Amino acid sequence: MAEAALDDVFTDDITVPAIDGYPLGATLFLPRGAKRQTVLINSATAVPRKVYKGFGAYLAKRGSVVLTYDYRGTGDSRPKVLSGDNPRKSLVGFKASMSDWAALDVTAAVTWMRERYQALPLAYVGHSFGGQALGLIPNNIEVSRALLVASQAATWRLMASPERYRVYAAMNYVLLPLTRMLGYTPGWAGLGMDLPKGVFEQWTNWVNSPCYLFDDAALTAVSNFAKFKGALRALCISDDPWATRPAVELLCSGFGAARPEIIAITPADAGVAKIGHFGFFRPEHRDTLWRGAAEWLEASE
């Protein structure tokens, strides 16, 4: 185990096999002292796991075993290229979708944690898509507590105006044609990270639909939403133009067997000017937002 001077925890970059054996780049955070629980952090779309490093180390310092990982086709889970090849071409022809991320990658990460730490409860942190995936995986019953951060049914209709129109136009008239022309979605076009073609196409289809993924007749995994019976808290951030209150409520409505608790958070609550869709995981929130989240994840009831 490689020791890192990161908040007094042990960290190790590892590989976690997906359900189909595909290698997923991951990082394991271990506390130096007693282990009280396990926490799986599940990324937003086009966000590498390194964004969650600070939060993962913070939870580990408090006694949690934490795993972060990259979905297939992103970050360190991107297919490798031969020396001298253009790395961007590695996603051309690469088969993956958002439903694959849930069924093959997220499902495997939950299984990996449960098999290795059977005596400890498993908590789940889902950022944006990571929260949506909780409802799609068949083994979500293994999760005792789930914290959804800026996680929503991301139909463009429920985004804040005028952002909703910008997103709709960008996805349908810029990024989708570019994706089909190049064979993958280039991060330089506005996402920040390259995405496999199938991921972006399915994502666009969901965003275009009134009820997001709930309208996808081919997505049989939607039935797994009803399986989750653990504690569920969704953080709704007031200045997030994408995960608005109606969008968060729509996603939470899918968890019919749970009692979702939606908590509204404003930048003033954290003593900052803005938080937005991605800001929760910034280290400046260690003593405010992170502490409250950690205390809830660690609760026994």
C-alpha atoms as a PDB file:
ATOM      1  CA  MET A   1       0.000   0.000   0.000  1.00  0.00           C
ATOM      2  CA  ALA A   2       1.498   3.317  -1.052  1.00  0.00           C
ATOM      3  CA  GLU A   3       1.530   5.916   1.731  1.00  0.00           C
ATOM      4  CA  ALA A   4       0.669   9.480   0.767  1.00  0.00           C
ATOM      5  CA  ALA A   5       0.855  12.625   2.864  1.00  0.00           C
ATOM      6  CA  LEU A   6      -2.779  13.409   2.130  1.00  0.00           C
ATOM      7  CA  ASP A   7      -4.732  14.238   5.252  1.00  0.00           C
ATOM      8  CA  ASP A   8      -2.989  11.445   7.152  1.00  0.00           C
ATOM      9  CA  VAL A   9      -4.561   8.607   5.171  1.00  0.00           C
ATOM     10  CA  PHE A  10      -3.215   5.779   3.051  1.00  0.00           C
ATOM     11  CA  THR A  11      -3.995   5.954  -0.666  1.00  0.00           C
ATOM     12  CA  ASP A  12      -3.409   3.483  -3.452  1.00  0.00           C
ATOM     13  CA  ASP A  13      -4.171   3.687  -7.165  1.00  0.00           C
ATOM     14  CA  ILE A  14      -5.625   0.327  -8.170  1.00  0.00           C
ATOM     15  CA  THR A  15      -7.625  -1.374 -10.897  1.00  0.00           C
ATOM     16  CA  VAL A  16     -11.164  -2.596 -10.282  1.00  0.00           C
ATOM     17  CA  PRO A  17     -12.605  -5.067 -12.820  1.00  0.00           C
ATOM     18  CA  ALA A  18     -16.026  -4.160 -14.216  1.00  0.00           C
ATOM     19  CA  ILE A  19     -18.749  -6.794 -14.543  1.00  0.00           C
ATOM     20  CA  ASP A  20     -17.428  -7.720 -17.992  1.00  0.00           C
ATOM     21  CA  GLY A  21     -13.800  -7.628 -16.834  1.00  0.00           C
ATOM     22  CA  TYR A  22     -12.982  -4.194 -18.261  1.00  0.00           C
ATOM     23  CA  PRO A  23     -10.281  -2.554 -16.080  1.00  0.00           C
ATOM     24  CA  LEU A  24     -11.413   0.570 -14.232  1.00  0.00           C
ATOM     25  CA  GLY A  25      -8.857   2.992 -12.857  1.00  0.00           C
ATOM     26  CA  ALA A  26      -9.575   3.592  -9.178  1.00  0.00           C
ATOM     27  CA  THR A  27      -8.140   5.018  -5.965  1.00  0.00           C
ATOM     28  CA  LEU A  28      -8.593   3.480  -2.529  1.00  0.00           C
ATOM     29  CA  PHE A  29      -8.381   5.687   0.582  1.00  0.00           C
ATOM     30  CA  LEU A  30      -7.778   3.942   3.903  1.00  0.00           C
ATOM     31  CA  PRO A  31      -7.852   5.439   7.412  1.00  0.00           C
ATOM     32  CA  ARG A  32      -4.831   4.937   9.609  1.00  0.00           C
ATOM     33  CA  GLY A  33      -7.033   3.934  12.515  1.00  0.00           C
ATOM     34  CA  ALA A  34     -10.166   1.845  12.917  1.00  0.00           C
ATOM     35  CA  LYS A  35     -12.477   1.459   9.937  1.00  0.00           C
ATOM     36  CA  ARG A  36     -16.075   2.451  10.678  1.00  0.00           C
ATOM     37  CA  GLN A  37     -17.713   2.118   7.231  1.00  0.00           C
ATOM     38  CA  THR A  38     -17.075   2.083   3.490  1.00  0.00           C
ATOM     39  CA  VAL A  39     -17.973   4.861   1.045  1.00  0.00           C
ATOM     40  CA  LEU A  40     -18.186   4.594  -2.734  1.00  0.00           C
ATOM     41  CA  ILE A  41     -17.929   7.928  -4.582  1.00  0.00           C
ATOM     42  CA  ASN A  42     -19.543   7.900  -8.025  1.00  0.00           C
ATOM     43  CA  SER A  43     -18.589  10.632 -10.478  1.00  0.00           C
ATOM     44  CA  ALA A  44     -20.609  13.064 -12.536  1.00  0.00           C
ATOM     45  CA  THR A  45     -20.520  12.790 -16.320  1.00  0.00           C
ATOM     46  CA  ALA A  46     -17.195  13.922 -17.797  1.00  0.00           C
ATOM     47  CA  VAL A  47     -15.651  14.423 -14.355  1.00  0.00           C
ATOM     48  CA  PRO A  48     -12.468  12.472 -13.493  1.00  0.00           C
ATOM     49  CA  ARG A  49     -12.160  10.799 -10.106  1.00  0.00           C
ATOM     50  CA  LYS A  50      -9.310  13.104  -9.092  1.00  0.00           C
ATOM     51  CA  VAL A  51     -11.916  15.829  -8.501  1.00  0.00           C
ATOM     52  CA  TYR A  52     -13.138  13.806  -5.506  1.00  0.00           C
ATOM     53  CA  LYS A  53      -9.682  13.181  -4.038  1.00  0.00           C
ATOM     54  CA  GLY A  54      -9.980  15.799  -1.315  1.00  0.00           C
ATOM     55  CA  PHE A  55     -13.432  14.678  -0.202  1.00  0.00           C
ATOM     56  CA  GLY A  56     -12.392  11.027  -0.283  1.00  0.00           C
ATOM     57  CA  ALA A  57      -9.335  11.724   1.873  1.00  0.00           C
ATOM     58  CA  TYR A  58     -11.467  13.770   4.265  1.00  0.00           C
ATOM     59  CA  LEU A  59     -13.876  10.874   4.785  1.00  0.00           C
ATOM     60  CA  ALA A  60     -10.991   8.432   5.180  1.00  0.00           C
ATOM     61  CA  LYS A  61      -9.395  10.602   7.853  1.00  0.00           C
ATOM     62  CA  ARG A  62     -12.678  10.295   9.772  1.00  0.00           C
ATOM     63  CA  GLY A  63     -12.553   6.490   9.576  1.00  0.00           C
ATOM     64  CA  SER A  64     -14.125   5.504   6.244  1.00  0.00           C
ATOM     65  CA  VAL A  65     -12.681   3.216   3.581  1.00  0.00           C
ATOM     66  CA  VAL A  66     -13.312   5.191   0.383  1.00  0.00           C
ATOM     67  CA  LEU A  67     -13.165   4.184  -3.281  1.00  0.00           C
ATOM     68  CA  THR A  68     -13.218   6.549  -6.256  1.00  0.00           C
ATOM     69  CA  TYR A  69     -13.038   5.330  -9.849  1.00  0.00           C
ATOM     70  CA  ASP A  70     -13.391   6.397 -13.484  1.00  0.00           C
ATOM     71  CA  TYR A  71     -16.163   5.082 -15.721  1.00  0.00           C
ATOM     72  CA  ARG A  72     -15.063   3.214 -18.831  1.00  0.00           C
ATOM     73  CA  GLY A  73     -13.842   5.504 -21.589  1.00  0.00           C
ATOM     74  CA  THR A  74     -12.891   8.298 -19.151  1.00  0.00           C
ATOM     75  CA  GLY A  75      -9.872   9.199 -17.026  1.00  0.00           C
ATOM     76  CA  ASP A  76      -7.698   6.207 -16.212  1.00  0.00           C
ATOM     77  CA  SER A  77     -10.417   3.886 -17.510  1.00  0.00           C
ATOM     78  CA  ARG A  78      -9.878   5.097 -21.044  1.00  0.00           C
ATOM     79  CA  PRO A  79      -8.688   2.416 -23.487  1.00  0.00           C
ATOM     80  CA  LYS A  80      -4.933   2.409 -23.889  1.00  0.00           C
ATOM     81  CA  VAL A  81      -3.242   3.312 -27.160  1.00  0.00           C
ATOM     82  CA  LEU A  82      -0.037   2.069 -28.693  1.00  0.00           C
ATOM     83  CA  SER A  83       3.009   4.288 -28.382  1.00  0.00           C
ATOM     84  CA  GLY A  84       2.904   7.009 -31.018  1.00  0.00           C
ATOM     85  CA  ASP A  85      -0.843   6.753 -31.619  1.00  0.00           C
ATOM     86  CA  ASN A  86      -3.109   9.767 -31.200  1.00  0.00           C
ATOM     87  CA  PRO A  87      -4.761   9.316 -27.763  1.00  0.00           C
ATOM     88  CA  ARG A  88      -7.965  10.930 -29.011  1.00  0.00           C
ATOM     89  CA  LYS A  89      -8.464   8.119 -31.489  1.00  0.00           C
ATOM     90  CA  SER A  90      -8.666   5.599 -28.657  1.00  0.00           C
ATOM     91  CA  LEU A  91     -12.378   6.374 -28.232  1.00  0.00           C
ATOM     92  CA  VAL A  92     -13.252   6.024 -31.914  1.00  0.00           C
ATOM     93  CA  GLY A  93     -15.293   2.835 -32.153  1.00  0.00           C
ATOM     94  CA  PHE A  94     -15.205   2.325 -28.377  1.00  0.00           C
ATOM     95  CA  LYS A  95     -18.535   0.883 -27.250  1.00  0.00           C
ATOM     96  CA  ALA A  96     -20.006   2.384 -24.086  1.00  0.00           C
ATOM     97  CA  SER A  97     -23.185   4.072 -22.938  1.00  0.00           C
ATOM     98  CA  MET A  98     -24.431   5.640 -19.722  1.00  0.00           C
ATOM     99  CA  SER A  99     -26.494   2.535 -19.046  1.00  0.00           C
ATOM    100  CA  ASP A 100     -23.263   0.509 -19.461  1.00  0.00           C
ATOM    101  CA  TRP A 101     -21.610   2.741 -16.879  1.00  0.00           C
ATOM    102  CA  ALA A 102     -24.333   1.826 -14.409  1.00  0.00           C
ATOM    103  CA  ALA A 103     -24.793  -1.856 -15.247  1.00  0.00           C
ATOM    104  CA  LEU A 104     -21.125  -2.758 -15.709  1.00  0.00           C
ATOM    105  CA  ASP A 105     -19.029  -0.201 -13.820  1.00  0.00           C
ATOM    106  CA  VAL A 106     -21.063   1.123 -10.885  1.00  0.00           C
ATOM    107  CA  THR A 107     -22.517  -2.310 -10.173  1.00  0.00           C
ATOM    108  CA  ALA A 108     -19.006  -3.764 -10.088  1.00  0.00           C
ATOM    109  CA  ALA A 109     -17.697  -1.039  -7.791  1.00  0.00           C
ATOM    110  CA  VAL A 110     -20.485  -1.745  -5.284  1.00  0.00           C
ATOM    111  CA  THR A 111     -19.736  -5.484  -5.475  1.00  0.00           C
ATOM    112  CA  TRP A 112     -15.996  -4.882  -5.054  1.00  0.00           C
ATOM    113  CA  MET A 113     -16.531  -2.899  -1.871  1.00  0.00           C
ATOM    114  CA  ARG A 114     -19.035  -5.355  -0.381  1.00  0.00           C
ATOM    115  CA  GLU A 115     -16.844  -8.402  -1.063  1.00  0.00           C
ATOM    116  CA  ARG A 116     -13.813  -6.858   0.629  1.00  0.00           C
ATOM    117  CA  TYR A 117     -15.482  -5.142   3.567  1.00  0.00           C
ATOM    118  CA  GLN A 118     -18.445  -7.376   4.350  1.00  0.00           C
ATOM    119  CA  ALA A 119     -18.546  -6.432   8.035  1.00  0.00           C
ATOM    120  CA  LEU A 120     -18.808  -2.690   7.325  1.00  0.00           C
ATOM    121  CA  PRO A 121     -21.864  -0.797   6.058  1.00  0.00           C
ATOM    122  CA  LEU A 122     -21.615   0.699   2.568  1.00  0.00           C
ATOM    123  CA  ALA A 123     -22.499   4.345   1.997  1.00  0.00           C
ATOM    124  CA  TYR A 124     -22.878   5.766  -1.506  1.00  0.00           C
ATOM    125  CA  VAL A 125     -22.073   9.281  -2.711  1.00  0.00           C
ATOM    126  CA  GLY A 126     -23.413  10.109  -6.163  1.00  0.00           C
ATOM    127  CA  HIS A 127     -22.578  13.348  -7.945  1.00  0.00           C
ATOM    128  CA  SER A 128     -24.986  14.192 -10.793  1.00  0.00           C
ATOM    129  CA  PHE A 129     -24.977  11.020 -12.975  1.00  0.00           C
ATOM    130  CA  GLY A 130     -23.470   9.115 -10.043  1.00  0.00           C
ATOM    131  CA  GLY A 131     -26.709   9.662  -8.167  1.00  0.00           C
ATOM    132  CA  GLN A 132     -28.829   8.647 -11.138  1.00  0.00           C
ATOM    133  CA  ALA A 133     -26.843   5.422 -11.386  1.00  0.00           C
ATOM    134  CA  LEU A 134     -27.910   4.393  -7.876  1.00  0.00           C
ATOM    135  CA  GLY A 135     -31.396   3.774  -9.221  1.00  0.00           C
ATOM    136  CA  LEU A 136     -30.169   1.789 -12.206  1.00  0.00           C
ATOM    137  CA  ILE A 137     -27.884  -0.759 -10.548  1.00  0.00           C
ATOM    138  CA  PRO A 138     -29.335  -4.150  -9.583  1.00  0.00           C
ATOM    139  CA  ASN A 139     -27.413  -4.356  -6.295  1.00  0.00           C
ATOM    140  CA  ASN A 140     -28.376  -0.999  -4.802  1.00  0.00           C
ATOM    141  CA  ILE A 141     -29.934  -2.945  -1.932  1.00  0.00           C
ATOM    142  CA  GLU A 142     -26.345  -3.364  -0.675  1.00  0.00           C
ATOM    143  CA  VAL A 143     -26.166   0.388   0.018  1.00  0.00           C
ATOM    144  CA  SER A 144     -27.260   1.449   3.498  1.00  0.00           C
ATOM    145  CA  ARG A 145     -27.067   5.229   3.018  1.00  0.00           C
ATOM    146  CA  ALA A 146     -26.900   7.307  -0.172  1.00  0.00           C
ATOM    147  CA  LEU A 147     -25.996  10.968  -0.441  1.00  0.00           C
ATOM    148  CA  LEU A 148     -26.868  12.512  -3.808  1.00  0.00           C
ATOM    149  CA  VAL A 149     -25.035  15.743  -4.624  1.00  0.00           C
ATOM    150  CA  ALA A 150     -26.453  17.924  -7.430  1.00  0.00           C
ATOM    151  CA  SER A 151     -28.108  14.790  -8.797  1.00  0.00           C
ATOM    152  CA  GLN A 152     -31.200  15.173 -10.919  1.00  0.00           C
ATOM    153  CA  ALA A 153     -33.433  14.007 -13.717  1.00  0.00           C
ATOM    154  CA  ALA A 154     -31.528  16.191 -16.153  1.00  0.00           C
ATOM    155  CA  THR A 155     -34.133  16.997 -18.773  1.00  0.00           C
ATOM    156  CA  TRP A 156     -33.382  20.383 -20.296  1.00  0.00           C
ATOM    157  CA  ARG A 157     -36.944  21.494 -19.515  1.00  0.00           C
ATOM    158  CA  LEU A 158     -36.245  21.541 -15.767  1.00  0.00           C
ATOM    159  CA  MET A 159     -32.973  23.453 -15.977  1.00  0.00           C
ATOM    160  CA  ALA A 160     -32.900  27.124 -15.057  1.00  0.00           C
ATOM    161  CA  SER A 161     -33.555  29.631 -17.801  1.00  0.00           C
ATOM    162  CA  PRO A 162     -31.719  30.704 -19.932  1.00  0.00           C
ATOM    163  CA  GLU A 163     -29.260  27.843 -19.266  1.00  0.00           C
ATOM    164  CA  ARG A 164     -31.820  25.284 -20.454  1.00  0.00           C
ATOM    165  CA  TYR A 165     -31.811  26.760 -23.959  1.00  0.00           C
ATOM    166  CA  ARG A 166     -28.023  26.948 -24.105  1.00  0.00           C
ATOM    167  CA  VAL A 167     -27.724  23.297 -23.069  1.00  0.00           C
ATOM    168  CA  TYR A 168     -30.359  22.133 -25.553  1.00  0.00           C
ATOM    169  CA  ALA A 169     -28.755  24.026 -28.440  1.00  0.00           C
ATOM    170  CA  ALA A 170     -25.203  23.005 -27.556  1.00  0.00           C
ATOM    171  CA  MET A 171     -26.003  19.317 -27.168  1.00  0.00           C
ATOM    172  CA  ASN A 172     -28.234  18.950 -30.220  1.00  0.00           C
ATOM    173  CA  TYR A 173     -26.743  21.366 -32.722  1.00  0.00           C
ATOM    174  CA  VAL A 174     -23.046  21.440 -31.832  1.00  0.00           C
ATOM    175  CA  LEU A 175     -21.887  18.480 -29.766  1.00  0.00           C
ATOM    176  CA  LEU A 176     -24.077  15.753 -31.261  1.00  0.00           C
ATOM    177  CA  PRO A 177     -23.099  16.472 -34.897  1.00  0.00           C
ATOM    178  CA  LEU A 178     -19.457  16.824 -33.838  1.00  0.00           C
ATOM    179  CA  THR A 179     -19.646  13.513 -31.961  1.00  0.00           C
ATOM    180  CA  ARG A 180     -21.028  11.692 -34.981  1.00  0.00           C
ATOM    181  CA  MET A 181     -18.439  13.241 -37.250  1.00  0.00           C
ATOM    182  CA  LEU A 182     -15.425  12.422 -35.029  1.00  0.00           C
ATOM    183  CA  GLY A 183     -16.655   9.157 -33.522  1.00  0.00           C
ATOM    184  CA  TYR A 184     -16.372  10.485 -29.948  1.00  0.00           C
ATOM    185  CA  THR A 185     -17.254  13.654 -28.032  1.00  0.00           C
ATOM    186  CA  PRO A 186     -14.233  15.947 -27.694  1.00  0.00           C
ATOM    187  CA  GLY A 187     -13.733  17.561 -24.324  1.00  0.00           C
ATOM    188  CA  TRP A 188     -12.349  20.691 -25.975  1.00  0.00           C
ATOM    189  CA  ALA A 189     -15.828  21.440 -27.324  1.00  0.00           C
ATOM    190  CA  GLY A 190     -17.038  22.390 -23.859  1.00  0.00           C
ATOM    191  CA  LEU A 191     -17.290  19.278 -21.673  1.00  0.00           C
ATOM    192  CA  GLY A 192     -13.728  19.302 -20.380  1.00  0.00           C
ATOM    193  CA  MET A 193     -13.283  15.555 -20.900  1.00  0.00           C
ATOM    194  CA  ASP A 194     -13.645  13.350 -23.967  1.00  0.00           C
ATOM    195  CA  LEU A 195     -16.606  10.957 -23.905  1.00  0.00           C
ATOM    196  CA  PRO A 196     -17.414   7.804 -25.873  1.00  0.00           C
ATOM    197  CA  LYS A 197     -19.916   8.385 -28.676  1.00  0.00           C
ATOM    198  CA  GLY A 198     -22.536   6.053 -27.199  1.00  0.00           C
ATOM    199  CA  VAL A 199     -22.402   7.798 -23.838  1.00  0.00           C
ATOM    200  CA  PHE A 200     -23.086  11.198 -25.329  1.00  0.00           C
ATOM    201  CA  GLU A 201     -25.805   9.957 -27.673  1.00  0.00           C
ATOM    202  CA  GLN A 202     -27.720   8.289 -24.844  1.00  0.00           C
ATOM    203  CA  TRP A 203     -27.207  11.284 -22.579  1.00  0.00           C
ATOM    204  CA  THR A 204     -28.579  13.612 -25.262  1.00  0.00           C
ATOM    205  CA  ASN A 205     -31.604  11.368 -25.747  1.00  0.00           C
ATOM    206  CA  TRP A 206     -32.334  11.499 -22.015  1.00  0.00           C
ATOM    207  CA  VAL A 207     -31.816  15.274 -21.790  1.00  0.00           C
ATOM    208  CA  ASN A 208     -34.254  15.749 -24.688  1.00  0.00           C
ATOM    209  CA  SER A 209     -36.943  13.648 -22.978  1.00  0.00           C
ATOM    210  CA  PRO A 210     -39.476  15.280 -20.591  1.00  0.00           C
ATOM    211  CA  CYS A 211     -38.761  12.814 -17.774  1.00  0.00           C
ATOM    212  CA  TYR A 212     -35.121  12.133 -18.642  1.00  0.00           C
ATOM    213  CA  LEU A 213     -34.109   8.462 -18.310  1.00  0.00           C
ATOM    214  CA  PHE A 214     -37.557   7.516 -16.991  1.00  0.00           C
ATOM    215  CA  ASP A 215     -38.868   7.989 -20.557  1.00  0.00           C
ATOM    216  CA  ASP A 216     -36.396   5.508 -22.080  1.00  0.00           C
ATOM    217  CA  ALA A 217     -38.549   2.478 -22.906  1.00  0.00           C
ATOM    218  CA  ALA A 218     -35.460   0.403 -23.679  1.00  0.00           C
ATOM    219  CA  LEU A 219     -33.906   1.095 -20.269  1.00  0.00           C
ATOM    220  CA  THR A 220     -35.227  -1.876 -18.300  1.00  0.00           C
ATOM    221  CA  ALA A 221     -32.807  -1.073 -15.458  1.00  0.00           C
ATOM    222  CA  VAL A 222     -35.195   1.711 -14.374  1.00  0.00           C
ATOM    223  CA  SER A 223     -37.036  -1.018 -12.455  1.00  0.00           C
ATOM    224  CA  ASN A 224     -34.070  -1.136 -10.056  1.00  0.00           C
ATOM    225  CA  PHE A 225     -35.024   2.254  -8.592  1.00  0.00           C
ATOM    226  CA  ALA A 226     -37.747   0.475  -6.601  1.00  0.00           C
ATOM    227  CA  LYS A 227     -35.220  -1.883  -4.978  1.00  0.00           C
ATOM    228  CA  PHE A 228     -33.368   0.764  -2.992  1.00  0.00           C
ATOM    229  CA  LYS A 229     -34.615   0.930   0.600  1.00  0.00           C
ATOM    230  CA  GLY A 230     -31.748   2.662   2.371  1.00  0.00           C
ATOM    231  CA  ALA A 231     -31.543   6.173   3.801  1.00  0.00           C
ATOM    232  CA  LEU A 232     -31.511   8.738   0.988  1.00  0.00           C
ATOM    233  CA  ARG A 233     -30.534  12.398   1.172  1.00  0.00           C
ATOM    234  CA  ALA A 234     -30.341  14.660  -1.886  1.00  0.00           C
ATOM    235  CA  LEU A 235     -28.505  17.984  -1.721  1.00  0.00           C
ATOM    236  CA  CYS A 236     -30.138  20.645  -3.893  1.00  0.00           C
ATOM    237  CA  ILE A 237     -27.836  23.621  -4.425  1.00  0.00           C
ATOM    238  CA  SER A 238     -29.658  26.882  -5.031  1.00  0.00           C
ATOM    239  CA  ASP A 239     -27.305  28.324  -7.654  1.00  0.00           C
ATOM    240  CA  ASP A 240     -27.015  25.100  -9.666  1.00  0.00           C
ATOM    241  CA  PRO A 241     -28.733  25.800 -13.012  1.00  0.00           C
ATOM    242  CA  TRP A 242     -28.849  22.098 -13.954  1.00  0.00           C
ATOM    243  CA  ALA A 243     -29.942  20.266 -10.802  1.00  0.00           C
ATOM    244  CA  THR A 244     -32.839  22.559  -9.930  1.00  0.00           C
ATOM    245  CA  ARG A 245     -35.320  21.651  -7.205  1.00  0.00           C
ATOM    246  CA  PRO A 246     -37.913  20.252  -9.677  1.00  0.00           C
ATOM    247  CA  ALA A 247     -35.210  18.163 -11.387  1.00  0.00           C
ATOM    248  CA  VAL A 248     -33.949  16.798  -8.058  1.00  0.00           C
ATOM    249  CA  GLU A 249     -37.504  16.015  -6.981  1.00  0.00           C
ATOM    250  CA  LEU A 250     -38.189  14.170 -10.231  1.00  0.00           C
ATOM    251  CA  LEU A 251     -35.157  11.930  -9.770  1.00  0.00           C
ATOM    252  CA  CYS A 252     -36.009  11.272  -6.132  1.00  0.00           C
ATOM    253  CA  SER A 253     -39.571  10.334  -7.068  1.00  0.00           C
ATOM    254  CA  GLY A 254     -38.182   7.242  -8.767  1.00  0.00           C
ATOM    255  CA  PHE A 255     -37.015   5.799  -5.445  1.00  0.00           C
ATOM    256  CA  GLY A 256     -40.478   4.569  -4.490  1.00  0.00           C
ATOM    257  CA  ALA A 257     -39.363   2.306  -1.635  1.00  0.00           C
ATOM    258  CA  ALA A 258     -37.228   4.960   0.063  1.00  0.00           C
ATOM    259  CA  ARG A 259     -38.069   8.226   1.778  1.00  0.00           C
ATOM    260  CA  PRO A 260     -35.857  10.783   0.054  1.00  0.00           C
ATOM    261  CA  GLU A 261     -34.882  13.812   2.099  1.00  0.00           C
ATOM    262  CA  ILE A 262     -34.124  16.835  -0.054  1.00  0.00           C
ATOM    263  CA  ILE A 263     -31.875  19.409   1.604  1.00  0.00           C
ATOM    264  CA  ALA A 264     -31.595  22.882   0.092  1.00  0.00           C
ATOM    265  CA  ILE A 265     -28.152  24.485   0.250  1.00  0.00           C
ATOM    266  CA  THR A 266     -27.301  28.085  -0.586  1.00  0.00           C
ATOM    267  CA  PRO A 267     -23.837  29.592  -1.050  1.00  0.00           C
ATOM    268  CA  ALA A 268     -24.504  31.669   2.054  1.00  0.00           C
ATOM    269  CA  ASP A 269     -24.823  28.460   4.068  1.00  0.00           C
ATOM    270  CA  ALA A 270     -21.182  27.736   3.231  1.00  0.00           C
ATOM    271  CA  GLY A 271     -20.024  31.345   3.495  1.00  0.00           C
ATOM    272  CA  VAL A 272     -19.142  31.579  -0.204  1.00  0.00           C
ATOM    273  CA  ALA A 273     -20.359  33.521  -3.226  1.00  0.00           C
ATOM    274  CA  LYS A 274     -21.190  30.473  -5.352  1.00  0.00           C
ATOM    275  CA  ILE A 275     -21.268  26.678  -5.342  1.00  0.00           C
ATOM    276  CA  GLY A 276     -23.008  25.628  -8.562  1.00  0.00           C
ATOM    277  CA  HIS A 277     -23.107  22.116  -9.987  1.00  0.00           C
ATOM    278  CA  PHE A 278     -19.496  21.188  -9.211  1.00  0.00           C
ATOM    279  CA  GLY A 279     -18.466  23.349  -6.263  1.00  0.00           C
ATOM    280  CA  PHE A 280     -19.505  21.066  -3.393  1.00  0.00           C
ATOM    281  CA  PHE A 281     -16.292  19.051  -3.758  1.00  0.00           C
ATOM    282  CA  ARG A 282     -13.938  22.019  -3.460  1.00  0.00           C
ATOM    283  CA  PRO A 283     -11.679  21.822  -0.356  1.00  0.00           C
ATOM    284  CA  GLU A 284     -12.884  25.213   0.869  1.00  0.00           C
ATOM    285  CA  HIS A 285     -16.033  23.439   2.087  1.00  0.00           C
ATOM    286  CA  ARG A 286     -14.159  21.082   4.406  1.00  0.00           C
ATOM    287  CA  ASP A 287     -15.452  22.663   7.602  1.00  0.00           C
ATOM    288  CA  THR A 288     -18.953  23.409   6.341  1.00  0.00           C
ATOM    289  CA  LEU A 289     -20.586  21.288   3.660  1.00  0.00           C
ATOM    290  CA  TRP A 290     -18.198  18.355   3.970  1.00  0.00           C
ATOM    291  CA  ARG A 291     -18.600  18.073   7.707  1.00  0.00           C
ATOM    292  CA  GLY A 292     -22.381  17.925   7.536  1.00  0.00           C
ATOM    293  CA  ALA A 293     -22.269  15.383   4.728  1.00  0.00           C
ATOM    294  CA  ALA A 294     -19.785  13.197   6.599  1.00  0.00           C
ATOM    295  CA  GLU A 295     -21.818  13.260   9.788  1.00  0.00           C
ATOM    296  CA  TRP A 296     -24.910  12.132   7.898  1.00  0.00           C
ATOM    297  CA  LEU A 297     -23.020   9.360   6.053  1.00  0.00           C
ATOM    298  CA  GLU A 298     -21.606   8.094   9.331  1.00  0.00           C
ATOM    299  CA  ALA A 299     -24.970   8.030  11.154  1.00  0.00           C
ATOM    300  CA  SER A 300     -26.212   4.615  12.194  1.00  0.00           C
ATOM    301  CA  GLU A 301     -29.891   5.332  11.585  1.00  0.00           C
END
